[in-house]
Amino acid sequence: MSILIDKSTRLIVQGITGRDGLFHARKMKEYGTNVVGGTSPGKGGTDANGIPVFNTMYEAVEQTQANTSIIFVPARFAADAIMEAADAGIRLIVCIAEGIPTLDVIKAHQFIKQKGAILVGPNCPGLISPGKSMVGILPGQVFQKGNVGVISRSGTLTYEIVYHLTANGMGQSTAIGIGGDPVVGLHFRELLEMFQNDTETEAIVLIGEIGGNAEEQAAEYIRNHVTKPVVAFIAGQSAPLGKQMGHAGAIISGTSGSAKENVGHSCIIKSSKRYNERYSEITRTRTGRFGTGTQ
């Protein structure tokens, strides 16, 4: 098994005729993802690299039975694209677009929850179940099928850590980047529950950063509900108070959201001796400082 995407994923690319949409649609298709169509208003009836293009998500879903979409439209149109996908019956929506106003994301998120859909992102790299499906902008070549679930707020840190996992023989069941904005769809808690319930996942890697208290909540959830070994890395050890660092959500307010606070809570994270020693060995020479659990 894996979580969220697999061989049954049928993908629509919203904004497929744009530069980024077209490029990544081709990359996802080459990886093996079942890309069944794309949307671009006014260009319905054409094709993009052999992928049929539709004017609306309603047409696309009706004609392709798609269950997943990925969004590459400009930020000012992204919230509407999210809501259109959910209204058309899409159940998993992955929003790559960044720079979306926070209030727009809140509105769209509330709407799709009423429709029973799930949002990943915005401002995220997407997700991959190696050997099965990729929905996002991830470098597929660094991933390998295996039993480690990966959850991350940072795209590039995901690639860095997964590279070393793969190089040391630890493949991944699913790896997902949740996005670095202040408001996102799926967060650590929901994904931890999914990995806990996934029979294929044997261990979990959690990659956090400064800003907000999601890592603190994740540590509390792990302590009470997760029985599988978990290893965490918290970025931002030297970040100054009150200064945004990269992601829109990466800002420390008071004491909440600091790397010290997040790492402190992460110390309750559980880790089996086998995974803890192996992962510590891999990361020690690369990152220097990282929060792990007790054995």
Protein backbone atom coordinates (compact mmCIF):
# COMPACT_ATOMS: atom_id res chain seq x y z
CA MET A 1 0.00 0.00 0.00
CA SER A 2 0.83 3.72 0.09
CA ILE A 3 -1.18 6.78 1.03
CA LEU A 4 -3.25 9.14 -1.14
CA ILE A 5 -1.92 8.13 -4.57
CA ASP A 6 -1.16 4.82 -6.29
CA LYS A 7 -1.72 3.04 -9.62
CA SER A 8 -5.45 3.88 -9.45
CA THR A 9 -4.77 7.64 -9.51
CA ARG A 10 -6.32 9.38 -12.53
CA LEU A 11 -4.86 12.87 -12.82
CA ILE A 12 -6.05 16.13 -14.37
CA VAL A 13 -3.51 18.95 -14.76
CA GLN A 14 -5.19 22.33 -14.26
CA GLY A 15 -3.30 24.90 -16.30
CA ILE A 16 -1.74 22.30 -18.58
CA THR A 17 -1.01 24.65 -21.48
CA GLY A 18 1.12 27.01 -19.39
CA ARG A 19 4.89 26.63 -19.24
CA ASP A 20 5.05 24.88 -15.86
CA GLY A 21 1.89 22.85 -16.33
CA LEU A 22 3.03 21.47 -19.69
CA PHE A 23 6.54 20.69 -18.48
CA HIS A 24 5.47 18.85 -15.34
CA ALA A 25 2.56 17.08 -17.04
CA ARG A 26 5.13 15.49 -19.33
CA LYS A 27 7.41 14.61 -16.39
CA MET A 28 4.57 13.02 -14.41
CA LYS A 29 3.43 11.04 -17.43
CA GLU A 30 6.98 9.83 -18.09
CA TYR A 31 7.21 8.71 -14.46
CA GLY A 32 4.18 6.48 -14.95
CA THR A 33 1.39 8.61 -13.51
CA ASN A 34 -1.93 8.13 -15.29
CA VAL A 35 -2.40 11.68 -16.59
CA VAL A 36 -5.84 11.50 -18.18
CA GLY A 37 -6.31 15.14 -19.14
CA GLY A 38 -5.74 18.81 -18.48
CA THR A 39 -7.73 22.04 -18.42
CA SER A 40 -7.19 25.41 -20.05
CA PRO A 41 -10.22 27.67 -20.66
CA GLY A 42 -10.74 28.31 -24.36
CA LYS A 43 -8.43 25.50 -25.48
CA GLY A 44 -10.80 22.58 -25.01
CA GLY A 45 -10.68 20.00 -27.80
CA THR A 46 -6.94 20.34 -28.33
CA ASP A 47 -4.18 18.25 -26.80
CA ALA A 48 -0.91 18.91 -24.97
CA ASN A 49 1.78 16.33 -25.68
CA GLY A 50 -0.97 13.82 -26.44
CA ILE A 51 -2.96 14.67 -23.30
CA PRO A 52 -6.54 15.84 -24.02
CA VAL A 53 -7.36 19.41 -22.96
CA PHE A 54 -10.78 20.49 -21.63
CA ASN A 55 -12.29 23.91 -21.00
CA THR A 56 -13.53 23.12 -17.48
CA MET A 57 -13.03 20.62 -14.69
CA TYR A 58 -16.65 19.54 -15.04
CA GLU A 59 -16.03 18.40 -18.62
CA ALA A 60 -12.72 16.81 -17.70
CA VAL A 61 -14.09 14.73 -14.83
CA GLU A 62 -17.18 13.66 -16.78
CA GLN A 63 -15.13 12.42 -19.72
CA THR A 64 -12.10 10.93 -17.92
CA GLN A 65 -13.41 9.80 -14.50
CA ALA A 66 -10.46 11.60 -12.92
CA ASN A 67 -10.11 11.46 -9.12
CA THR A 68 -7.07 13.74 -8.60
CA SER A 69 -5.97 17.15 -9.86
CA ILE A 70 -2.83 19.25 -9.71
CA ILE A 71 -2.93 23.04 -10.03
CA PHE A 72 -0.42 25.13 -11.99
CA VAL A 73 -2.51 28.25 -12.54
CA PRO A 74 -1.39 31.76 -11.44
CA ALA A 75 -1.93 32.63 -7.78
CA ARG A 76 -4.86 34.98 -8.42
CA PHE A 77 -6.83 32.15 -10.05
CA ALA A 78 -5.69 29.30 -7.79
CA ALA A 79 -8.42 29.46 -5.13
CA ASP A 80 -11.11 29.32 -7.81
CA ALA A 81 -9.29 26.39 -9.43
CA ILE A 82 -9.25 24.53 -6.12
CA MET A 83 -12.99 25.07 -5.61
CA GLU A 84 -13.84 24.17 -9.21
CA ALA A 85 -11.97 20.87 -8.88
CA ALA A 86 -13.79 19.96 -5.68
CA ASP A 87 -17.16 20.98 -7.10
CA ALA A 88 -16.52 18.80 -10.14
CA GLY A 89 -16.00 15.74 -7.93
CA ILE A 90 -12.22 15.57 -7.54
CA ARG A 91 -11.27 13.99 -4.23
CA LEU A 92 -7.54 14.85 -3.99
CA ILE A 93 -6.38 18.33 -5.02
CA VAL A 94 -2.68 19.21 -5.08
CA CYS A 95 -1.95 22.94 -5.37
CA ILE A 96 1.58 23.77 -6.49
CA ALA A 97 0.86 27.49 -6.97
CA GLU A 98 2.46 29.88 -4.48
CA GLY A 99 1.68 33.43 -3.44
CA ILE A 100 -2.06 32.81 -2.95
CA PRO A 101 -3.60 35.27 -0.46
CA THR A 102 -4.19 33.56 2.88
CA LEU A 103 -7.87 34.55 3.02
CA ASP A 104 -8.39 32.98 -0.42
CA VAL A 105 -6.88 29.71 0.81
CA ILE A 106 -9.11 29.72 3.91
CA LYS A 107 -12.19 30.23 1.73
CA ALA A 108 -11.19 27.47 -0.69
CA HIS A 109 -10.24 25.07 2.10
CA GLN A 110 -13.61 25.47 3.82
CA PHE A 111 -15.40 24.92 0.52
CA ILE A 112 -13.62 21.71 -0.40
CA LYS A 113 -14.10 20.28 3.10
CA GLN A 114 -17.85 20.63 2.54
CA LYS A 115 -17.41 18.74 -0.73
CA GLY A 116 -15.47 15.93 0.93
CA ALA A 117 -12.24 16.65 -0.93
CA ILE A 118 -8.65 16.74 0.38
CA LEU A 119 -6.18 19.55 -0.31
CA VAL A 120 -2.39 19.22 -0.39
CA GLY A 121 -0.65 22.61 -0.42
CA PRO A 122 -0.67 25.30 -1.61
CA ASN A 123 2.95 26.24 -2.24
CA CYS A 124 4.05 22.61 -2.08
CA PRO A 125 6.05 20.17 -4.24
CA GLY A 126 3.29 17.55 -4.26
CA LEU A 127 3.68 13.89 -3.42
CA ILE A 128 5.00 10.61 -4.74
CA SER A 129 4.40 6.92 -4.11
CA PRO A 130 7.59 5.55 -5.70
CA GLY A 131 7.05 3.10 -8.51
CA LYS A 132 3.32 3.86 -8.56
CA SER A 133 2.46 7.50 -9.13
CA MET A 134 3.85 11.02 -8.83
CA VAL A 135 1.64 14.11 -8.53
CA GLY A 136 3.92 17.10 -8.23
CA ILE A 137 7.24 18.63 -9.22
CA LEU A 138 9.49 16.23 -7.34
CA PRO A 139 12.69 14.76 -8.87
CA GLY A 140 11.46 11.19 -9.28
CA GLN A 141 14.95 9.75 -9.75
CA VAL A 142 15.92 10.21 -6.07
CA PHE A 143 12.97 8.21 -4.76
CA GLN A 144 12.83 4.47 -4.34
CA LYS A 145 9.99 2.15 -3.41
CA GLY A 146 10.18 1.05 0.20
CA ASN A 147 8.70 1.30 3.69
CA VAL A 148 9.55 4.77 5.04
CA GLY A 149 6.86 7.45 4.97
CA VAL A 150 8.09 11.03 4.58
CA ILE A 151 6.20 14.21 5.57
CA SER A 152 7.80 17.61 5.00
CA ARG A 153 7.12 21.34 5.04
CA SER A 154 10.11 21.92 2.74
CA GLY A 155 10.48 20.69 -0.82
CA THR A 156 14.25 20.91 -1.12
CA LEU A 157 14.85 19.37 2.32
CA THR A 158 12.61 16.51 1.23
CA TYR A 159 14.80 15.83 -1.79
CA GLU A 160 17.99 16.12 0.29
CA ILE A 161 16.88 13.70 2.99
CA VAL A 162 15.19 11.26 0.60
CA TYR A 163 18.37 11.16 -1.47
CA HIS A 164 20.29 9.92 1.56
CA LEU A 165 17.55 7.51 2.58
CA THR A 166 17.59 5.97 -0.90
CA ALA A 167 21.39 5.90 -1.08
CA ASN A 168 21.40 3.93 2.17
CA GLY A 169 18.80 1.38 1.10
CA MET A 170 15.74 2.87 2.81
CA GLY A 171 13.03 3.34 0.18
CA GLN A 172 9.81 5.24 0.66
CA SER A 173 6.16 4.19 0.72
CA THR A 174 4.94 7.75 0.07
CA ALA A 175 6.67 11.11 0.40
CA ILE A 176 4.60 14.27 0.65
CA GLY A 177 5.42 17.97 0.84
CA ILE A 178 2.63 19.76 2.67
CA GLY A 179 3.67 23.31 1.79
CA GLY A 180 5.16 26.21 3.72
CA ASP A 181 2.30 28.72 3.76
CA PRO A 182 0.54 29.76 6.99
CA VAL A 183 -2.61 27.89 5.89
CA VAL A 184 -2.38 24.56 4.08
CA GLY A 185 -4.64 21.57 3.59
CA LEU A 186 -3.33 18.29 5.00
CA HIS A 187 -0.88 18.77 7.87
CA PHE A 188 1.35 16.56 10.01
CA ARG A 189 -1.37 15.17 12.25
CA GLU A 190 -3.62 13.86 9.45
CA LEU A 191 -0.70 12.38 7.55
CA LEU A 192 0.77 10.74 10.64
CA GLU A 193 -2.56 8.99 11.12
CA MET A 194 -2.54 7.83 7.50
CA PHE A 195 0.99 6.44 7.77
CA GLN A 196 0.19 4.80 11.10
CA ASN A 197 -2.70 2.98 9.42
CA ASP A 198 -0.74 2.08 6.27
CA THR A 199 0.44 -1.51 6.45
CA GLU A 200 3.31 -0.88 4.02
CA THR A 201 4.86 1.95 6.06
CA GLU A 202 7.25 0.72 8.78
CA ALA A 203 8.79 4.04 9.86
CA ILE A 204 8.16 7.76 9.41
CA VAL A 205 10.47 10.72 8.75
CA LEU A 206 9.07 14.14 9.67
CA ILE A 207 10.76 17.29 8.33
CA GLY A 208 9.67 20.49 10.04
CA GLU A 209 10.78 24.08 10.31
CA ILE A 210 10.19 27.25 12.28
CA GLY A 211 6.77 28.92 12.28
CA GLY A 212 3.52 27.85 13.90
CA ASN A 213 3.06 24.97 16.29
CA ALA A 214 2.33 22.13 13.88
CA GLU A 215 5.49 20.27 14.85
CA GLU A 216 4.60 20.57 18.53
CA GLN A 217 1.11 19.20 17.85
CA ALA A 218 2.63 16.42 15.75
CA ALA A 219 4.93 15.38 18.60
CA GLU A 220 1.99 15.25 20.98
CA TYR A 221 0.00 13.14 18.51
CA ILE A 222 2.92 10.78 17.99
CA ARG A 223 3.35 10.28 21.73
CA ASN A 224 -0.30 9.33 22.15
CA HIS A 225 -1.20 7.54 18.92
CA VAL A 226 1.77 6.44 16.79
CA THR A 227 3.44 3.11 17.46
CA LYS A 228 5.83 3.11 14.49
CA PRO A 229 9.35 4.56 14.78
CA VAL A 230 9.52 8.27 13.88
CA VAL A 231 12.56 10.47 13.24
CA ALA A 232 12.29 14.27 12.95
CA PHE A 233 14.44 17.05 11.54
CA ILE A 234 13.60 20.66 12.48
CA ALA A 235 15.16 23.40 10.31
CA GLY A 236 15.82 26.93 11.53
CA GLN A 237 18.10 26.60 14.54
CA SER A 238 19.64 30.03 14.01
CA ALA A 239 16.56 31.92 12.74
CA PRO A 240 16.00 35.29 14.48
CA LEU A 241 12.76 36.05 16.31
CA GLY A 242 10.06 37.77 14.23
CA LYS A 243 11.82 37.49 10.85
CA GLN A 244 10.27 35.56 7.98
CA MET A 245 12.66 32.97 6.60
CA GLY A 246 11.78 31.75 3.13
CA HIS A 247 8.31 30.25 3.43
CA ALA A 248 5.44 32.57 4.29
CA GLY A 249 4.70 30.41 7.33
CA ALA A 250 8.29 30.30 8.55
CA ILE A 251 8.18 33.05 11.15
CA ILE A 252 8.60 32.78 14.92
CA SER A 253 5.96 34.53 17.03
CA GLY A 254 6.87 34.80 20.71
CA THR A 255 8.25 31.43 21.76
CA SER A 256 5.83 29.34 19.69
CA GLY A 257 7.22 28.03 16.43
CA SER A 258 10.90 28.41 17.20
CA ALA A 259 13.27 25.61 16.27
CA LYS A 260 14.14 25.22 19.96
CA GLU A 261 10.48 24.83 20.88
CA ASN A 262 9.79 22.45 18.01
CA VAL A 263 12.88 20.35 18.68
CA GLY A 264 12.07 20.31 22.37
CA HIS A 265 8.68 18.82 21.69
CA SER A 266 10.17 16.48 19.10
CA CYS A 267 12.25 14.86 21.83
CA ILE A 268 9.20 12.82 22.77
CA ILE A 269 9.07 11.31 19.29
CA LYS A 270 9.45 7.55 19.24
CA SER A 271 12.19 5.82 17.32
CA SER A 272 13.21 2.21 17.19
CA LYS A 273 16.88 1.51 17.78
CA ARG A 274 17.40 0.18 14.26
CA TYR A 275 15.95 3.22 12.46
CA ASN A 276 17.31 5.76 14.92
CA GLU A 277 20.90 4.57 14.68
CA ARG A 278 20.76 4.14 10.90
CA TYR A 279 19.14 7.51 10.22
CA SER A 280 21.41 9.33 12.68
CA GLU A 281 24.41 7.89 10.86
CA ILE A 282 23.11 9.11 7.51
CA THR A 283 22.25 12.63 8.61
CA ARG A 284 25.04 13.39 11.07
CA THR A 285 27.57 14.26 8.38
CA ARG A 286 25.06 16.22 6.32
CA THR A 287 23.07 18.37 8.73
CA GLY A 288 24.96 18.55 12.01
CA ARG A 289 21.96 19.42 14.21
CA PHE A 290 18.69 17.58 14.14
CA GLY A 291 15.97 16.54 16.55
CA THR A 292 15.44 12.84 17.08
CA GLY A 293 13.41 10.82 19.48
CA THR A 294 14.48 8.78 22.43
CA GLN A 295 14.80 5.05 21.97
